[in-house]
Amino acid sequence: MKFLNLLILSLCFCACATSQNIKNIDGQTKTIPVFMTGEKQRAAFKTTLEADKKIYNFLLLANKKDGYLNFKIIGDFAAVLASVNLRGAAFEYESSSPILTDQKAKQAFEEILLALFAPNALDKHKYYFKKGESLPYKLKQKSEVADKTFLFKNYDGNIPQNITVTTKFNIVKVSFELLAHD
């Protein structure tokens, strides 16, 4: 009986060791899209927000400063609706529109920015890759406010040109179109 247990244990060990080697042989590294890495200093997105059967359009501008990222939401007539700094995983608001006075909207906005610009700051992400692909087509983000799904489309290198964020039951939909990334 001890021999049978040892045989089963050794087979399980060999199976585990072999499966890890197969993963290493595959060697395909998975790349997650992150804006503002390396030499990239700026990004601009045309953003469309659909909620409560209304559509809102604005620009989201991101600038890398000395040790932090600055985000500006630009509305009609070049009005700055919000100016936010991201240091690590902490947000500092220089100015904010009435839209972000709602705590849930503010938290959802911050979670989206973290997913796109600092995905390592939160560990509530799960990326999905198509077989044989190294770039994700989808990201699921768990949240107390609302679980979100990010769809990445039209890659140029490692950067998606279109990103669509939807909440559970499609209550809110946010579309990002990359206009500039340098």
Protein backbone atom coordinates (compact mmCIF):
# COMPACT_ATOMS: atom_id res chain seq x y z
CA MET A 1 0.00 0.00 0.00
CA LYS A 2 2.88 2.40 0.80
CA PHE A 3 4.39 1.63 -2.60
CA LEU A 4 1.11 2.50 -4.33
CA ASN A 5 0.88 5.82 -2.41
CA LEU A 6 4.49 6.64 -3.31
CA LEU A 7 3.84 5.80 -6.95
CA ILE A 8 0.76 8.06 -7.07
CA LEU A 9 2.66 10.85 -5.29
CA SER A 10 5.60 10.60 -7.69
CA LEU A 11 3.26 10.61 -10.72
CA CYS A 12 1.53 13.72 -9.40
CA PHE A 13 4.90 15.39 -8.78
CA CYS A 14 6.13 14.52 -12.28
CA ALA A 15 2.90 15.77 -13.84
CA CYS A 16 3.21 19.09 -12.00
CA ALA A 17 6.87 19.47 -12.92
CA THR A 18 6.17 18.63 -16.57
CA SER A 19 3.30 21.10 -16.87
CA GLN A 20 5.51 23.91 -15.55
CA ASN A 21 8.19 23.05 -18.08
CA ILE A 22 5.66 23.16 -20.89
CA LYS A 23 4.66 26.68 -19.79
CA ASN A 24 8.30 27.77 -19.78
CA ILE A 25 8.94 26.23 -23.20
CA ASP A 26 6.02 28.23 -24.58
CA GLY A 27 7.88 31.33 -23.36
CA GLN A 28 5.38 33.79 -24.78
CA THR A 29 5.37 36.82 -22.56
CA LYS A 30 2.03 38.46 -21.97
CA THR A 31 2.00 42.22 -22.40
CA ILE A 32 -0.60 44.39 -20.71
CA PRO A 33 -1.26 47.82 -22.20
CA VAL A 34 -0.09 50.68 -20.00
CA PHE A 35 -0.04 54.27 -21.15
CA MET A 36 2.72 56.66 -20.08
CA THR A 37 5.51 54.12 -19.65
CA GLY A 38 9.11 54.57 -20.68
CA GLU A 39 9.71 57.70 -22.71
CA LYS A 40 6.03 58.45 -23.29
CA GLN A 41 5.15 61.82 -21.76
CA ARG A 42 1.63 62.58 -23.02
CA ALA A 43 -1.59 60.90 -24.08
CA ALA A 44 -4.89 62.32 -25.29
CA PHE A 45 -8.19 60.47 -25.52
CA LYS A 46 -11.52 61.40 -27.03
CA THR A 47 -13.89 60.09 -24.38
CA THR A 48 -17.58 59.32 -24.66
CA LEU A 49 -19.64 58.55 -21.57
CA GLU A 50 -23.08 57.00 -21.95
CA ALA A 51 -25.26 56.93 -18.81
CA ASP A 52 -28.95 57.38 -18.07
CA LYS A 53 -29.72 57.51 -21.81
CA LYS A 54 -27.50 60.60 -22.17
CA ILE A 55 -24.19 60.93 -23.99
CA TYR A 56 -21.35 63.15 -22.78
CA ASN A 57 -18.18 63.88 -24.77
CA PHE A 58 -14.94 65.25 -23.42
CA LEU A 59 -11.17 64.98 -23.76
CA LEU A 60 -8.98 63.18 -21.26
CA LEU A 61 -5.43 64.50 -21.30
CA ALA A 62 -2.60 62.79 -19.43
CA ASN A 63 0.81 64.39 -18.83
CA LYS A 64 3.80 62.87 -17.08
CA LYS A 65 5.27 65.37 -14.65
CA ASP A 66 8.17 65.05 -12.22
CA GLY A 67 7.24 61.90 -10.27
CA TYR A 68 3.48 61.90 -10.95
CA LEU A 69 0.84 61.89 -13.68
CA ASN A 70 -1.55 64.81 -14.24
CA PHE A 71 -4.97 64.22 -15.82
CA LYS A 72 -7.25 66.92 -17.15
CA ILE A 73 -10.82 66.45 -18.30
CA ILE A 74 -11.58 69.06 -20.94
CA GLY A 75 -15.23 69.81 -21.81
CA ASP A 76 -16.94 72.18 -24.21
CA PHE A 77 -15.18 75.44 -25.04
CA ALA A 78 -11.91 74.06 -23.62
CA ALA A 79 -13.23 74.27 -20.06
CA VAL A 80 -11.20 72.27 -17.56
CA LEU A 81 -13.76 70.11 -15.75
CA ALA A 82 -11.21 68.38 -13.53
CA SER A 83 -7.48 68.35 -12.88
CA VAL A 84 -6.20 65.34 -10.99
CA ASN A 85 -2.72 64.19 -10.00
CA LEU A 86 -1.81 60.52 -9.55
CA ARG A 87 1.14 59.79 -7.27
CA GLY A 88 1.63 56.02 -6.98
CA ALA A 89 -1.95 54.91 -6.24
CA ALA A 90 -3.05 58.15 -4.51
CA PHE A 91 -5.15 60.82 -6.21
CA GLU A 92 -4.92 64.55 -5.49
CA TYR A 93 -7.63 66.81 -6.93
CA GLU A 94 -6.55 70.30 -7.99
CA SER A 95 -10.00 71.12 -9.34
CA SER A 96 -13.10 69.05 -9.87
CA SER A 97 -16.43 69.35 -11.63
CA PRO A 98 -19.75 68.67 -9.93
CA ILE A 99 -19.84 65.29 -11.71
CA LEU A 100 -17.03 64.02 -9.48
CA THR A 101 -18.64 65.17 -6.25
CA ASP A 102 -20.59 61.89 -6.24
CA GLN A 103 -18.31 59.48 -4.34
CA LYS A 104 -19.22 56.45 -6.49
CA ALA A 105 -18.56 58.30 -9.75
CA LYS A 106 -15.26 59.56 -8.36
CA GLN A 107 -14.18 56.06 -7.28
CA ALA A 108 -15.14 54.55 -10.66
CA PHE A 109 -13.19 57.32 -12.44
CA GLU A 110 -10.11 56.60 -10.29
CA GLU A 111 -10.36 52.83 -10.90
CA ILE A 112 -10.46 53.37 -14.67
CA LEU A 113 -7.42 55.64 -14.54
CA LEU A 114 -5.52 53.11 -12.42
CA ALA A 115 -6.37 50.31 -14.86
CA LEU A 116 -5.09 52.28 -17.85
CA PHE A 117 -2.11 54.11 -16.34
CA ALA A 118 -1.01 52.14 -13.24
CA PRO A 119 -2.38 48.58 -13.43
CA ASN A 120 0.06 47.35 -10.79
CA ALA A 121 -1.43 49.71 -8.21
CA LEU A 122 -4.53 47.50 -7.90
CA ASP A 123 -4.57 43.73 -7.88
CA LYS A 124 -8.24 43.54 -8.81
CA HIS A 125 -7.49 42.94 -12.49
CA LYS A 126 -7.90 39.80 -14.58
CA TYR A 127 -6.71 39.94 -18.17
CA TYR A 128 -7.96 37.63 -20.95
CA PHE A 129 -5.82 36.64 -23.94
CA LYS A 130 -6.83 34.91 -27.14
CA LYS A 131 -4.96 31.66 -27.80
CA GLY A 132 -1.49 32.39 -29.10
CA GLU A 133 -1.78 36.15 -28.55
CA SER A 134 0.43 38.15 -26.19
CA LEU A 135 -1.87 41.21 -25.97
CA PRO A 136 -5.13 41.09 -24.01
CA TYR A 137 -8.48 41.62 -25.63
CA LYS A 138 -10.34 42.01 -22.34
CA LEU A 139 -9.80 43.04 -18.73
CA LYS A 140 -12.19 42.37 -15.86
CA GLN A 141 -11.96 44.69 -12.85
CA LYS A 142 -13.66 43.83 -9.56
CA SER A 143 -14.93 46.76 -7.52
CA GLU A 144 -17.21 47.62 -4.64
CA VAL A 145 -18.86 50.28 -6.81
CA ALA A 146 -19.35 48.31 -10.05
CA ASP A 147 -17.52 45.47 -11.74
CA LYS A 148 -16.12 46.73 -15.03
CA THR A 149 -15.11 45.10 -18.31
CA PHE A 150 -12.48 46.75 -20.52
CA LEU A 151 -12.36 45.74 -24.20
CA PHE A 152 -9.13 46.55 -26.05
CA LYS A 153 -9.27 46.97 -29.84
CA ASN A 154 -7.16 48.15 -32.79
CA TYR A 155 -3.67 47.69 -31.38
CA ASP A 156 -0.80 49.74 -32.76
CA GLY A 157 2.22 47.92 -31.36
CA ASN A 158 1.42 47.26 -27.70
CA ILE A 159 -1.06 50.14 -27.37
CA PRO A 160 -4.79 49.76 -28.06
CA GLN A 161 -6.30 52.63 -30.04
CA ASN A 162 -9.85 52.00 -28.79
CA ILE A 163 -10.94 50.98 -25.30
CA THR A 164 -14.51 50.41 -24.21
CA VAL A 165 -15.38 50.17 -20.51
CA THR A 166 -18.76 48.82 -19.49
CA THR A 167 -20.27 48.13 -16.10
CA LYS A 168 -22.32 45.14 -15.17
CA PHE A 169 -25.69 45.18 -16.98
CA ASN A 170 -24.33 47.99 -19.25
CA ILE A 171 -25.55 50.73 -16.93
CA VAL A 172 -22.59 52.94 -17.87
CA LYS A 173 -20.41 52.75 -20.98
CA VAL A 174 -17.21 54.74 -21.48
CA SER A 175 -15.37 54.73 -24.82
CA PHE A 176 -11.80 55.95 -25.22
CA GLU A 177 -10.26 56.72 -28.61
CA LEU A 178 -6.54 57.40 -28.49
CA LEU A 179 -5.81 60.65 -30.30
CA ALA A 180 -2.15 61.16 -29.38
CA HIS A 181 0.50 59.19 -27.51
CA ASP A 182 4.02 60.60 -27.43
